[in-house]
Amino acid sequence: MTKKIHLEININSLSALEVDVLKMRFAIGYEKTLRQKEIAKALDISVGRVSQIEKKALTKIRNKINLVS
């Protein structure tokens, strides 16, 4: 498997909200990265919640990568 396939597998394991947060945070499909405060405003959630979602999503991705490697 290539790294691209691994990434697709990992993205499929995330919730829609997790995907949205990571896309905004890492400028995937956006012109620039957004700060957690900007993401919170766009999604109408707290900055703390954005942080939790981002951390959980990245942990899921890391765990999947470790299992595949």
N, C-alpha and C. Protein backbone atom coordinates (compact mmCIF):
# COMPACT_ATOMS: atom_id res chain seq x y z
N MET A 1 0.84 -1.19 0.00
CA MET A 1 0.00 0.00 0.00
C MET A 1 0.87 1.25 0.00
N THR A 2 0.38 2.25 -0.63
CA THR A 2 1.10 3.52 -0.64
C THR A 2 0.63 4.39 0.51
N LYS A 3 1.37 5.46 0.76
CA LYS A 3 0.98 6.38 1.83
C LYS A 3 -0.38 7.01 1.53
N LYS A 4 -0.67 7.26 0.26
CA LYS A 4 -1.96 7.85 -0.11
C LYS A 4 -3.10 6.92 0.30
N ILE A 5 -2.95 5.66 0.08
CA ILE A 5 -3.99 4.70 0.45
C ILE A 5 -4.16 4.67 1.95
N HIS A 6 -3.05 4.71 2.68
CA HIS A 6 -3.13 4.75 4.14
C HIS A 6 -3.91 5.98 4.59
N LEU A 7 -3.65 7.12 3.98
CA LEU A 7 -4.33 8.35 4.34
C LEU A 7 -5.82 8.24 4.07
N GLU A 8 -6.19 7.67 2.94
CA GLU A 8 -7.61 7.50 2.63
C GLU A 8 -8.29 6.59 3.64
N ILE A 9 -7.62 5.54 4.04
CA ILE A 9 -8.16 4.64 5.06
C ILE A 9 -8.37 5.41 6.36
N ASN A 10 -7.41 6.22 6.73
CA ASN A 10 -7.51 6.96 7.98
C ASN A 10 -8.60 8.01 7.93
N ILE A 11 -8.74 8.70 6.83
CA ILE A 11 -9.79 9.71 6.72
C ILE A 11 -11.16 9.05 6.80
N ASN A 12 -11.30 7.88 6.23
CA ASN A 12 -12.59 7.18 6.27
C ASN A 12 -12.97 6.75 7.69
N SER A 13 -12.01 6.68 8.59
CA SER A 13 -12.30 6.28 9.97
C SER A 13 -12.69 7.47 10.85
N LEU A 14 -12.67 8.68 10.29
CA LEU A 14 -12.98 9.88 11.06
C LEU A 14 -14.44 10.30 10.87
N SER A 15 -14.95 11.00 11.86
CA SER A 15 -16.31 11.55 11.73
C SER A 15 -16.26 12.76 10.79
N ALA A 16 -17.41 13.16 10.32
CA ALA A 16 -17.49 14.31 9.42
C ALA A 16 -16.96 15.57 10.10
N LEU A 17 -17.24 15.74 11.37
CA LEU A 17 -16.76 16.91 12.11
C LEU A 17 -15.23 16.87 12.24
N GLU A 18 -14.68 15.70 12.51
CA GLU A 18 -13.23 15.57 12.60
C GLU A 18 -12.56 15.91 11.27
N VAL A 19 -13.14 15.44 10.20
CA VAL A 19 -12.60 15.74 8.86
C VAL A 19 -12.66 17.24 8.60
N ASP A 20 -13.79 17.86 8.91
CA ASP A 20 -13.93 19.31 8.69
C ASP A 20 -12.88 20.09 9.47
N VAL A 21 -12.70 19.74 10.73
CA VAL A 21 -11.72 20.45 11.57
C VAL A 21 -10.31 20.29 10.99
N LEU A 22 -9.93 19.08 10.63
CA LEU A 22 -8.58 18.87 10.09
C LEU A 22 -8.38 19.56 8.75
N LYS A 23 -9.40 19.55 7.92
CA LYS A 23 -9.29 20.24 6.63
C LYS A 23 -9.06 21.74 6.83
N MET A 24 -9.79 22.33 7.74
CA MET A 24 -9.62 23.76 8.02
C MET A 24 -8.28 24.04 8.67
N ARG A 25 -7.89 23.19 9.59
CA ARG A 25 -6.65 23.39 10.35
C ARG A 25 -5.41 23.27 9.48
N PHE A 26 -5.45 22.34 8.51
CA PHE A 26 -4.28 22.07 7.68
C PHE A 26 -4.46 22.53 6.22
N ALA A 27 -5.44 23.39 5.99
CA ALA A 27 -5.67 24.01 4.67
C ALA A 27 -5.83 22.98 3.56
N ILE A 28 -6.64 21.96 3.82
CA ILE A 28 -6.95 20.97 2.78
C ILE A 28 -8.27 21.42 2.15
N GLY A 29 -8.15 21.98 0.95
CA GLY A 29 -9.31 22.54 0.29
C GLY A 29 -9.60 23.98 0.68
N TYR A 30 -8.71 24.58 1.43
CA TYR A 30 -8.82 25.97 1.85
C TYR A 30 -7.56 26.71 1.42
N GLU A 31 -7.66 28.02 1.27
CA GLU A 31 -6.52 28.82 0.83
C GLU A 31 -5.44 28.92 1.90
N LYS A 32 -5.84 28.93 3.16
CA LYS A 32 -4.87 29.06 4.25
C LYS A 32 -5.34 28.25 5.44
N THR A 33 -4.40 27.97 6.33
CA THR A 33 -4.78 27.27 7.56
C THR A 33 -5.58 28.22 8.43
N LEU A 34 -6.50 27.67 9.17
CA LEU A 34 -7.30 28.47 10.07
C LEU A 34 -6.89 28.19 11.51
N ARG A 35 -6.96 29.22 12.33
CA ARG A 35 -6.70 29.05 13.75
C ARG A 35 -7.90 28.37 14.39
N GLN A 36 -7.65 27.78 15.56
CA GLN A 36 -8.74 27.10 16.25
C GLN A 36 -9.91 28.06 16.53
N LYS A 37 -9.60 29.30 16.82
CA LYS A 37 -10.64 30.29 17.08
C LYS A 37 -11.50 30.51 15.83
N GLU A 38 -10.87 30.54 14.67
CA GLU A 38 -11.61 30.73 13.41
C GLU A 38 -12.47 29.51 13.09
N ILE A 39 -11.92 28.34 13.35
CA ILE A 39 -12.68 27.11 13.13
C ILE A 39 -13.89 27.06 14.05
N ALA A 40 -13.66 27.41 15.31
CA ALA A 40 -14.75 27.41 16.29
C ALA A 40 -15.89 28.32 15.85
N LYS A 41 -15.53 29.49 15.36
CA LYS A 41 -16.55 30.44 14.90
C LYS A 41 -17.30 29.88 13.69
N ALA A 42 -16.57 29.28 12.74
CA ALA A 42 -17.18 28.74 11.52
C ALA A 42 -18.13 27.58 11.83
N LEU A 43 -17.78 26.78 12.82
CA LEU A 43 -18.58 25.60 13.15
C LEU A 43 -19.53 25.82 14.33
N ASP A 44 -19.48 27.02 14.90
CA ASP A 44 -20.32 27.37 16.04
C ASP A 44 -20.13 26.42 17.22
N ILE A 45 -18.85 26.19 17.54
CA ILE A 45 -18.48 25.39 18.71
C ILE A 45 -17.39 26.14 19.46
N SER A 46 -17.05 25.69 20.65
CA SER A 46 -16.03 26.39 21.44
C SER A 46 -14.63 26.06 20.93
N VAL A 47 -13.69 26.92 21.25
CA VAL A 47 -12.29 26.70 20.89
C VAL A 47 -11.79 25.42 21.56
N GLY A 48 -12.19 25.22 22.81
CA GLY A 48 -11.80 24.00 23.53
C GLY A 48 -12.29 22.75 22.83
N ARG A 49 -13.50 22.80 22.30
CA ARG A 49 -14.07 21.66 21.58
C ARG A 49 -13.30 21.40 20.30
N VAL A 50 -12.90 22.46 19.59
CA VAL A 50 -12.09 22.31 18.38
C VAL A 50 -10.79 21.60 18.73
N SER A 51 -10.18 22.01 19.82
CA SER A 51 -8.92 21.39 20.26
C SER A 51 -9.12 19.90 20.55
N GLN A 52 -10.20 19.56 21.24
CA GLN A 52 -10.50 18.16 21.55
C GLN A 52 -10.70 17.34 20.28
N ILE A 53 -11.46 17.88 19.36
CA ILE A 53 -11.76 17.17 18.11
C ILE A 53 -10.48 16.96 17.31
N GLU A 54 -9.67 18.00 17.20
CA GLU A 54 -8.41 17.90 16.47
C GLU A 54 -7.50 16.84 17.09
N LYS A 55 -7.35 16.87 18.40
CA LYS A 55 -6.49 15.91 19.10
C LYS A 55 -6.98 14.48 18.89
N LYS A 56 -8.29 14.27 19.01
CA LYS A 56 -8.87 12.94 18.84
C LYS A 56 -8.66 12.43 17.42
N ALA A 57 -8.88 13.29 16.43
CA ALA A 57 -8.73 12.90 15.03
C ALA A 57 -7.28 12.54 14.72
N LEU A 58 -6.35 13.34 15.19
CA LEU A 58 -4.93 13.06 14.94
C LEU A 58 -4.49 11.77 15.63
N THR A 59 -5.03 11.52 16.81
CA THR A 59 -4.72 10.27 17.52
C THR A 59 -5.24 9.07 16.73
N LYS A 60 -6.46 9.17 16.20
CA LYS A 60 -7.01 8.09 15.38
C LYS A 60 -6.12 7.81 14.17
N ILE A 61 -5.68 8.88 13.52
CA ILE A 61 -4.82 8.71 12.34
C ILE A 61 -3.50 8.06 12.73
N ARG A 62 -2.89 8.53 13.80
CA ARG A 62 -1.60 7.95 14.24
C ARG A 62 -1.77 6.48 14.59
N ASN A 63 -2.85 6.15 15.29
CA ASN A 63 -3.07 4.76 15.67
C ASN A 63 -3.25 3.86 14.45
N LYS A 64 -3.97 4.34 13.46
CA LYS A 64 -4.17 3.55 12.24
C LYS A 64 -2.84 3.37 11.50
N ILE A 65 -2.03 4.42 11.45
CA ILE A 65 -0.73 4.33 10.78
C ILE A 65 0.16 3.32 11.48
N ASN A 66 0.15 3.34 12.80
CA ASN A 66 0.97 2.39 13.58
C ASN A 66 0.51 0.96 13.37
N LEU A 67 -0.79 0.74 13.24
CA LEU A 67 -1.30 -0.60 13.03
C LEU A 67 -0.90 -1.14 11.64
N VAL A 68 -0.85 -0.25 10.65
CA VAL A 68 -0.55 -0.65 9.28
C VAL A 68 0.95 -0.84 9.08
N SER A 69 1.75 -0.03 9.75
CA SER A 69 3.21 -0.07 9.55
C SER A 69 3.83 -1.38 10.00
